[in-house]
Amino acid sequence: MSSIQQSQIDDNAAVAARAIVWSDVLESTLFAQLAADKQRASDNVDNTLSWYKTYTDTLSAVGWRINNADFTQVTYNGTAGTINDTVLEQLANDPTVSKALYASVSRALLAFARTGSGSDAETVFDSASIASSSEFASFQLAVASVNEDGDLILTLLAWFYSSNQKIGSTLWFSWQNATLDIKTSTLTMTLNVDLYDQVRFSIHDKLDSANKLGLLVPLCKSLISSCPQLSLILNSA
C-alpha cells in the first residue's frame, strides 16, 4: 500500500470518527431537550429555568459531566438593537469568554443567517424557542470541541429574554425605545464516552421511533466535518 493510499484511509477514518462525535452531541442534546419538554413548560423565565434544570439533569444522566454552570442577569438599556448583536456584545465584554469561543459563536450566527428567512432551520428554531405569548423567547448556542486529551467538550450558552413587543424571530428580534432584561447561562460539560456508549443506540432508536431526528436541521453541511471545533445552534424551549 502506498503512503498516499494509507493517508487517504487515515483521513477517511478521521472524518468518520468526527461524524460519530458530532452525532453524539446532536442526539444527546436533542434527547435531553425532548425529555425537558415533556416535563416542563418554558413560557417564562421561571419555568424555563426549571426546564433548563431538567435538561441538564438528563444530559448528566446519559454521560455528560458538568464542569461549570453560571447564571447571570443582564439589563440591556439600549434604545434600539437586535438580539444577535446583543449576544455578540455580551460575549465580547465577558472576560471569561475566549477568542476561540467568541469566533465559534460568530460563525454559527453567520451560518444561521445564511440559511435565509423562513428556512427549515429558522422555522424549527423559532417554533421551539418563542413562547405562545410571543413575548418571551429562550435559546442556546452550543460549541463542541475536542481537547488535547481527546475529550469531547461542550459549552452551552443560553439566553432567556422577554419583551412587551411581539417577538417574531428569536435571534433577529429588534426593538426600539425599550429596556430588555436578559438572563444568560454558561454551561461547560465533558462527555464520559464509556457511559454514553451504554446508551448511544438506545437514544438513537428512541429519537428515530418518535420521528424526532428530523428536528436536527443542519445549518451548513460543512460544519459536520469541520475540525477541531464545531459550532451548533440548538433550540432550547
C-alpha atoms as a PDB file:
ATOM      1  CA  MET A   1       0.000   0.000   0.000  1.00  0.00           C
ATOM      2  CA  SER A   2       1.373   3.396  -0.958  1.00  0.00           C
ATOM      3  CA  SER A   3       1.781   6.228   1.522  1.00  0.00           C
ATOM      4  CA  ILE A   4      -0.869   8.179  -0.403  1.00  0.00           C
ATOM      5  CA  GLN A   5      -3.385   5.335  -0.054  1.00  0.00           C
ATOM      6  CA  GLN A   6      -2.619   4.982   3.659  1.00  0.00           C
ATOM      7  CA  SER A   7      -3.038   8.731   4.129  1.00  0.00           C
ATOM      8  CA  GLN A   8      -6.438   8.582   2.416  1.00  0.00           C
ATOM      9  CA  ILE A   9      -7.531   5.718   4.684  1.00  0.00           C
ATOM     10  CA  ASP A  10      -6.401   7.654   7.750  1.00  0.00           C
ATOM     11  CA  ASP A  11      -8.258  10.777   6.574  1.00  0.00           C
ATOM     12  CA  ASN A  12     -11.451   8.781   5.940  1.00  0.00           C
ATOM     13  CA  ALA A  13     -11.203   7.196   9.387  1.00  0.00           C
ATOM     14  CA  ALA A  14     -10.725  10.608  10.978  1.00  0.00           C
ATOM     15  CA  VAL A  15     -13.795  12.020   9.202  1.00  0.00           C
ATOM     16  CA  ALA A  16     -15.868   9.008  10.259  1.00  0.00           C
ATOM     17  CA  ALA A  17     -14.720   9.393  13.867  1.00  0.00           C
ATOM     18  CA  ARG A  18     -15.625  13.101  13.891  1.00  0.00           C
ATOM     19  CA  ALA A  19     -19.048  12.309  12.408  1.00  0.00           C
ATOM     20  CA  ILE A  20     -19.715   9.910  15.305  1.00  0.00           C
ATOM     21  CA  VAL A  21     -18.568  12.524  17.832  1.00  0.00           C
ATOM     22  CA  TRP A  22     -20.818  15.239  16.421  1.00  0.00           C
ATOM     23  CA  SER A  23     -23.704  12.789  16.154  1.00  0.00           C
ATOM     24  CA  ASP A  24     -23.309  12.089  19.875  1.00  0.00           C
ATOM     25  CA  VAL A  25     -23.554  15.821  20.594  1.00  0.00           C
ATOM     26  CA  LEU A  26     -26.624  16.352  18.423  1.00  0.00           C
ATOM     27  CA  GLU A  27     -28.577  13.310  19.518  1.00  0.00           C
ATOM     28  CA  SER A  28     -27.813  13.546  23.240  1.00  0.00           C
ATOM     29  CA  THR A  29     -28.783  17.220  23.418  1.00  0.00           C
ATOM     30  CA  LEU A  30     -31.964  16.638  21.389  1.00  0.00           C
ATOM     31  CA  PHE A  31     -32.876  13.736  23.662  1.00  0.00           C
ATOM     32  CA  ALA A  32     -32.394  15.943  26.741  1.00  0.00           C
ATOM     33  CA  GLN A  33     -34.423  18.726  25.147  1.00  0.00           C
ATOM     34  CA  LEU A  34     -37.368  16.436  24.418  1.00  0.00           C
ATOM     35  CA  ALA A  35     -37.215  14.990  27.938  1.00  0.00           C
ATOM     36  CA  ALA A  36     -37.382  18.509  29.382  1.00  0.00           C
ATOM     37  CA  ASP A  37     -40.197  19.477  27.004  1.00  0.00           C
ATOM     38  CA  LYS A  38     -42.232  16.528  28.264  1.00  0.00           C
ATOM     39  CA  GLN A  39     -41.880  17.508  31.920  1.00  0.00           C
ATOM     40  CA  ARG A  40     -41.617  21.298  31.959  1.00  0.00           C
ATOM     41  CA  ALA A  41     -43.171  24.335  30.289  1.00  0.00           C
ATOM     42  CA  SER A  42     -40.892  27.097  29.026  1.00  0.00           C
ATOM     43  CA  ASP A  43     -43.176  30.081  28.563  1.00  0.00           C
ATOM     44  CA  ASN A  44     -41.477  32.463  31.007  1.00  0.00           C
ATOM     45  CA  VAL A  45     -38.168  32.906  32.827  1.00  0.00           C
ATOM     46  CA  ASP A  46     -39.045  30.890  35.958  1.00  0.00           C
ATOM     47  CA  ASN A  47     -40.489  27.966  34.002  1.00  0.00           C
ATOM     48  CA  THR A  48     -37.558  27.990  31.599  1.00  0.00           C
ATOM     49  CA  LEU A  49     -35.088  27.795  34.478  1.00  0.00           C
ATOM     50  CA  SER A  50     -36.942  24.687  35.699  1.00  0.00           C
ATOM     51  CA  TRP A  51     -36.902  23.364  32.134  1.00  0.00           C
ATOM     52  CA  TYR A  52     -33.169  24.003  31.959  1.00  0.00           C
ATOM     53  CA  LYS A  53     -32.513  22.064  35.164  1.00  0.00           C
ATOM     54  CA  THR A  54     -34.389  19.045  33.793  1.00  0.00           C
ATOM     55  CA  TYR A  55     -32.446  19.412  30.550  1.00  0.00           C
ATOM     56  CA  THR A  56     -29.045  19.450  32.264  1.00  0.00           C
ATOM     57  CA  ASP A  57     -30.037  16.657  34.659  1.00  0.00           C
ATOM     58  CA  THR A  58     -30.877  14.497  31.641  1.00  0.00           C
ATOM     59  CA  LEU A  59     -27.561  15.305  29.994  1.00  0.00           C
ATOM     60  CA  SER A  60     -25.789  14.285  33.196  1.00  0.00           C
ATOM     61  CA  ALA A  61     -27.708  11.015  33.279  1.00  0.00           C
ATOM     62  CA  VAL A  62     -26.612   9.986  29.781  1.00  0.00           C
ATOM     63  CA  GLY A  63     -22.933  10.728  30.279  1.00  0.00           C
ATOM     64  CA  TRP A  64     -22.184  14.456  30.274  1.00  0.00           C
ATOM     65  CA  ARG A  65     -20.140  15.581  33.280  1.00  0.00           C
ATOM     66  CA  ILE A  66     -20.904  19.184  34.206  1.00  0.00           C
ATOM     67  CA  ASN A  67     -17.721  21.158  34.845  1.00  0.00           C
ATOM     68  CA  ASN A  68     -19.141  24.628  35.374  1.00  0.00           C
ATOM     69  CA  ALA A  69     -22.555  26.328  35.430  1.00  0.00           C
ATOM     70  CA  ASP A  70     -23.153  30.063  35.825  1.00  0.00           C
ATOM     71  CA  PHE A  71     -26.284  32.208  35.541  1.00  0.00           C
ATOM     72  CA  THR A  72     -26.146  35.976  35.048  1.00  0.00           C
ATOM     73  CA  GLN A  73     -28.884  38.610  34.986  1.00  0.00           C
ATOM     74  CA  VAL A  74     -28.229  41.360  32.454  1.00  0.00           C
ATOM     75  CA  THR A  75     -30.234  44.540  31.881  1.00  0.00           C
ATOM     76  CA  TYR A  76     -29.690  45.950  28.420  1.00  0.00           C
ATOM     77  CA  ASN A  77     -30.643  49.614  28.198  1.00  0.00           C
ATOM     78  CA  GLY A  78     -30.087  50.260  24.510  1.00  0.00           C
ATOM     79  CA  THR A  79     -32.684  52.469  22.845  1.00  0.00           C
ATOM     80  CA  ALA A  80     -32.590  50.158  19.843  1.00  0.00           C
ATOM     81  CA  GLY A  81     -30.912  46.909  18.971  1.00  0.00           C
ATOM     82  CA  THR A  82     -31.155  43.289  17.862  1.00  0.00           C
ATOM     83  CA  ILE A  83     -30.741  40.085  19.834  1.00  0.00           C
ATOM     84  CA  ASN A  84     -27.929  38.740  17.674  1.00  0.00           C
ATOM     85  CA  ASP A  85     -25.897  41.931  18.136  1.00  0.00           C
ATOM     86  CA  THR A  86     -26.613  41.892  21.868  1.00  0.00           C
ATOM     87  CA  VAL A  87     -25.370  38.309  22.136  1.00  0.00           C
ATOM     88  CA  LEU A  88     -22.092  39.178  20.428  1.00  0.00           C
ATOM     89  CA  GLU A  89     -21.695  42.355  22.501  1.00  0.00           C
ATOM     90  CA  GLN A  90     -22.171  40.449  25.765  1.00  0.00           C
ATOM     91  CA  LEU A  91     -19.682  37.769  24.766  1.00  0.00           C
ATOM     92  CA  ALA A  92     -17.140  40.376  23.655  1.00  0.00           C
ATOM     93  CA  ASN A  93     -17.403  42.107  27.046  1.00  0.00           C
ATOM     94  CA  ASP A  94     -17.208  38.887  29.078  1.00  0.00           C
ATOM     95  CA  PRO A  95     -13.606  38.307  30.251  1.00  0.00           C
ATOM     96  CA  THR A  96     -14.301  34.595  30.741  1.00  0.00           C
ATOM     97  CA  VAL A  97     -15.149  34.086  27.052  1.00  0.00           C
ATOM     98  CA  SER A  98     -12.147  33.111  24.958  1.00  0.00           C
ATOM     99  CA  LYS A  99     -11.463  34.457  21.487  1.00  0.00           C
ATOM    100  CA  ALA A 100     -11.984  30.965  20.082  1.00  0.00           C
ATOM    101  CA  LEU A 101     -15.420  30.650  21.713  1.00  0.00           C
ATOM    102  CA  TYR A 102     -16.440  34.108  20.505  1.00  0.00           C
ATOM    103  CA  ALA A 103     -15.301  33.266  16.968  1.00  0.00           C
ATOM    104  CA  SER A 104     -17.243  29.984  17.014  1.00  0.00           C
ATOM    105  CA  VAL A 105     -20.469  31.712  18.077  1.00  0.00           C
ATOM    106  CA  SER A 106     -19.954  34.384  15.416  1.00  0.00           C
ATOM    107  CA  ARG A 107     -19.550  31.709  12.733  1.00  0.00           C
ATOM    108  CA  ALA A 108     -22.646  29.876  13.961  1.00  0.00           C
ATOM    109  CA  LEU A 109     -24.741  33.066  13.793  1.00  0.00           C
ATOM    110  CA  LEU A 110     -23.412  33.821  10.318  1.00  0.00           C
ATOM    111  CA  ALA A 111     -24.170  30.293   9.113  1.00  0.00           C
ATOM    112  CA  PHE A 112     -27.672  30.555  10.564  1.00  0.00           C
ATOM    113  CA  ALA A 113     -28.263  33.930   8.905  1.00  0.00           C
ATOM    114  CA  ARG A 114     -27.194  32.490   5.547  1.00  0.00           C
ATOM    115  CA  THR A 115     -29.958  29.871   5.695  1.00  0.00           C
ATOM    116  CA  GLY A 116     -32.337  32.746   4.963  1.00  0.00           C
ATOM    117  CA  SER A 117     -35.592  33.919   6.470  1.00  0.00           C
ATOM    118  CA  GLY A 118     -38.196  31.183   6.581  1.00  0.00           C
ATOM    119  CA  SER A 119     -35.655  28.382   6.165  1.00  0.00           C
ATOM    120  CA  ASP A 120     -36.229  24.965   7.748  1.00  0.00           C
ATOM    121  CA  ALA A 121     -33.547  25.747  10.332  1.00  0.00           C
ATOM    122  CA  GLU A 122     -35.157  29.048  11.323  1.00  0.00           C
ATOM    123  CA  THR A 123     -38.671  27.561  11.395  1.00  0.00           C
ATOM    124  CA  VAL A 124     -37.627  24.726  13.718  1.00  0.00           C
ATOM    125  CA  PHE A 125     -35.581  27.076  15.872  1.00  0.00           C
ATOM    126  CA  ASP A 126     -38.297  29.723  16.296  1.00  0.00           C
ATOM    127  CA  SER A 127     -41.156  27.269  16.840  1.00  0.00           C
ATOM    128  CA  ALA A 128     -39.281  25.773  19.786  1.00  0.00           C
ATOM    129  CA  SER A 129     -37.790  28.974  21.166  1.00  0.00           C
ATOM    130  CA  ILE A 130     -40.641  31.509  21.170  1.00  0.00           C
ATOM    131  CA  ALA A 131     -43.399  31.171  23.788  1.00  0.00           C
ATOM    132  CA  SER A 132     -47.030  31.092  22.682  1.00  0.00           C
ATOM    133  CA  SER A 133     -47.491  34.621  24.055  1.00  0.00           C
ATOM    134  CA  SER A 134     -44.784  35.848  21.626  1.00  0.00           C
ATOM    135  CA  GLU A 135     -43.402  37.949  24.493  1.00  0.00           C
ATOM    136  CA  PHE A 136     -40.729  35.539  25.731  1.00  0.00           C
ATOM    137  CA  ALA A 137     -38.007  33.539  23.997  1.00  0.00           C
ATOM    138  CA  SER A 138     -35.136  31.292  25.040  1.00  0.00           C
ATOM    139  CA  PHE A 139     -32.360  29.744  23.020  1.00  0.00           C
ATOM    140  CA  GLN A 140     -28.926  28.150  23.180  1.00  0.00           C
ATOM    141  CA  LEU A 141     -25.739  28.485  21.218  1.00  0.00           C
ATOM    142  CA  ALA A 142     -23.539  25.433  21.649  1.00  0.00           C
ATOM    143  CA  VAL A 143     -19.913  24.858  20.761  1.00  0.00           C
ATOM    144  CA  ALA A 144     -18.389  21.385  20.757  1.00  0.00           C
ATOM    145  CA  SER A 145     -14.658  20.767  20.648  1.00  0.00           C
ATOM    146  CA  VAL A 146     -12.100  18.055  21.321  1.00  0.00           C
ATOM    147  CA  ASN A 147      -9.266  18.910  23.714  1.00  0.00           C
ATOM    148  CA  GLU A 148      -5.654  17.734  23.600  1.00  0.00           C
ATOM    149  CA  ASP A 149      -6.536  14.630  25.613  1.00  0.00           C
ATOM    150  CA  GLY A 150      -9.233  13.648  23.116  1.00  0.00           C
ATOM    151  CA  ASP A 151     -12.111  14.538  25.468  1.00  0.00           C
ATOM    152  CA  LEU A 152     -15.289  15.912  23.921  1.00  0.00           C
ATOM    153  CA  ILE A 153     -16.125  19.296  25.480  1.00  0.00           C
ATOM    154  CA  LEU A 154     -19.496  21.018  25.059  1.00  0.00           C
ATOM    155  CA  THR A 155     -20.105  24.649  26.007  1.00  0.00           C
ATOM    156  CA  LEU A 156     -23.778  25.650  26.158  1.00  0.00           C
ATOM    157  CA  LEU A 157     -24.533  29.372  26.150  1.00  0.00           C
ATOM    158  CA  ALA A 158     -28.197  30.065  26.903  1.00  0.00           C
ATOM    159  CA  TRP A 159     -30.226  33.279  26.756  1.00  0.00           C
ATOM    160  CA  PHE A 160     -33.724  33.943  28.134  1.00  0.00           C
ATOM    161  CA  TYR A 161     -35.404  37.271  27.347  1.00  0.00           C
ATOM    162  CA  SER A 162     -38.821  38.923  27.420  1.00  0.00           C
ATOM    163  CA  SER A 163     -40.279  41.973  25.713  1.00  0.00           C
ATOM    164  CA  ASN A 164     -43.525  43.916  25.605  1.00  0.00           C
ATOM    165  CA  GLN A 165     -43.126  43.879  21.842  1.00  0.00           C
ATOM    166  CA  LYS A 166     -44.092  40.815  19.802  1.00  0.00           C
ATOM    167  CA  ILE A 167     -41.142  38.526  19.125  1.00  0.00           C
ATOM    168  CA  GLY A 168     -41.284  37.298  15.553  1.00  0.00           C
ATOM    169  CA  SER A 169     -37.772  35.890  15.216  1.00  0.00           C
ATOM    170  CA  THR A 170     -35.706  34.611  18.135  1.00  0.00           C
ATOM    171  CA  LEU A 171     -32.261  35.732  17.027  1.00  0.00           C
ATOM    172  CA  TRP A 172     -33.132  38.594  14.698  1.00  0.00           C
ATOM    173  CA  PHE A 173     -35.684  40.247  17.004  1.00  0.00           C
ATOM    174  CA  SER A 174     -35.174  44.026  17.044  1.00  0.00           C
ATOM    175  CA  TRP A 175     -36.592  46.640  19.385  1.00  0.00           C
ATOM    176  CA  GLN A 176     -36.742  50.402  19.799  1.00  0.00           C
ATOM    177  CA  ASN A 177     -37.146  52.583  22.894  1.00  0.00           C
ATOM    178  CA  ALA A 178     -37.337  49.630  25.256  1.00  0.00           C
ATOM    179  CA  THR A 179     -35.377  48.075  28.113  1.00  0.00           C
ATOM    180  CA  LEU A 180     -34.537  44.436  27.558  1.00  0.00           C
ATOM    181  CA  ASP A 181     -33.920  42.109  30.505  1.00  0.00           C
ATOM    182  CA  ILE A 182     -31.843  39.077  29.623  1.00  0.00           C
ATOM    183  CA  LYS A 183     -30.782  36.124  31.756  1.00  0.00           C
ATOM    184  CA  THR A 184     -27.800  34.179  30.485  1.00  0.00           C
ATOM    185  CA  SER A 185     -26.290  30.821  31.369  1.00  0.00           C
ATOM    186  CA  THR A 186     -22.920  29.267  30.601  1.00  0.00           C
ATOM    187  CA  LEU A 187     -22.587  25.519  30.995  1.00  0.00           C
ATOM    188  CA  THR A 188     -19.419  23.550  30.264  1.00  0.00           C
ATOM    189  CA  MET A 189     -19.536  19.746  30.092  1.00  0.00           C
ATOM    190  CA  THR A 190     -17.271  16.812  29.233  1.00  0.00           C
ATOM    191  CA  LEU A 191     -18.623  13.605  27.716  1.00  0.00           C
ATOM    192  CA  ASN A 192     -17.948  10.363  29.575  1.00  0.00           C
ATOM    193  CA  VAL A 193     -17.636   8.197  26.469  1.00  0.00           C
ATOM    194  CA  ASP A 194     -17.760   4.900  28.381  1.00  0.00           C
ATOM    195  CA  LEU A 195     -21.089   5.866  29.942  1.00  0.00           C
ATOM    196  CA  TYR A 196     -22.526   7.236  26.704  1.00  0.00           C
ATOM    197  CA  ASP A 197     -21.521   4.041  24.878  1.00  0.00           C
ATOM    198  CA  GLN A 198     -24.095   2.259  27.034  1.00  0.00           C
ATOM    199  CA  VAL A 199     -26.995   4.470  25.899  1.00  0.00           C
ATOM    200  CA  ARG A 200     -25.967   5.687  22.416  1.00  0.00           C
ATOM    201  CA  PHE A 201     -28.016   3.217  20.394  1.00  0.00           C
ATOM    202  CA  SER A 202     -30.973   3.412  22.765  1.00  0.00           C
ATOM    203  CA  ILE A 203     -31.106   7.202  22.418  1.00  0.00           C
ATOM    204  CA  HIS A 204     -30.853   6.988  18.627  1.00  0.00           C
ATOM    205  CA  ASP A 205     -33.596   4.364  18.426  1.00  0.00           C
ATOM    206  CA  LYS A 206     -35.926   6.367  20.686  1.00  0.00           C
ATOM    207  CA  LEU A 207     -35.447   9.524  18.602  1.00  0.00           C
ATOM    208  CA  ASP A 208     -35.918   7.553  15.395  1.00  0.00           C
ATOM    209  CA  SER A 209     -39.048   5.711  16.533  1.00  0.00           C
ATOM    210  CA  ALA A 210     -40.570   9.023  17.696  1.00  0.00           C
ATOM    211  CA  ASN A 211     -39.756  10.617  14.309  1.00  0.00           C
ATOM    212  CA  LYS A 212     -37.696  13.316  16.042  1.00  0.00           C
ATOM    213  CA  LEU A 213     -34.445  13.004  14.092  1.00  0.00           C
ATOM    214  CA  GLY A 214     -35.889  15.411  11.525  1.00  0.00           C
ATOM    215  CA  LEU A 215     -35.541  18.161  14.133  1.00  0.00           C
ATOM    216  CA  LEU A 216     -31.776  18.022  13.635  1.00  0.00           C
ATOM    217  CA  VAL A 217     -31.653  20.572  10.836  1.00  0.00           C
ATOM    218  CA  PRO A 218     -28.069  21.351   9.755  1.00  0.00           C
ATOM    219  CA  LEU A 219     -27.133  24.987   9.308  1.00  0.00           C
ATOM    220  CA  CYS A 220     -24.289  24.131   6.998  1.00  0.00           C
ATOM    221  CA  LYS A 221     -23.198  20.664   5.861  1.00  0.00           C
ATOM    222  CA  SER A 222     -19.548  21.627   6.140  1.00  0.00           C
ATOM    223  CA  LEU A 223     -19.949  22.071   9.893  1.00  0.00           C
ATOM    224  CA  ILE A 224     -20.474  18.336  10.346  1.00  0.00           C
ATOM    225  CA  SER A 225     -16.965  17.512   9.163  1.00  0.00           C
ATOM    226  CA  SER A 226     -15.123  20.558  10.453  1.00  0.00           C
ATOM    227  CA  CYS A 227     -12.234  20.075  12.853  1.00  0.00           C
ATOM    228  CA  PRO A 228     -11.217  20.656  15.588  1.00  0.00           C
ATOM    229  CA  GLN A 229     -14.300  22.655  16.546  1.00  0.00           C
ATOM    230  CA  LEU A 230     -17.961  22.515  15.580  1.00  0.00           C
ATOM    231  CA  SER A 231     -20.422  25.352  16.063  1.00  0.00           C
ATOM    232  CA  LEU A 232     -24.067  24.452  16.573  1.00  0.00           C
ATOM    233  CA  ILE A 233     -27.292  26.276  17.240  1.00  0.00           C
ATOM    234  CA  LEU A 234     -29.697  24.317  19.407  1.00  0.00           C
ATOM    235  CA  ASN A 235     -33.185  25.489  20.252  1.00  0.00           C
ATOM    236  CA  SER A 236     -33.905  25.246  23.959  1.00  0.00           C
ATOM    237  CA  ALA A 237     -37.573  25.837  24.585  1.00  0.00           C
END
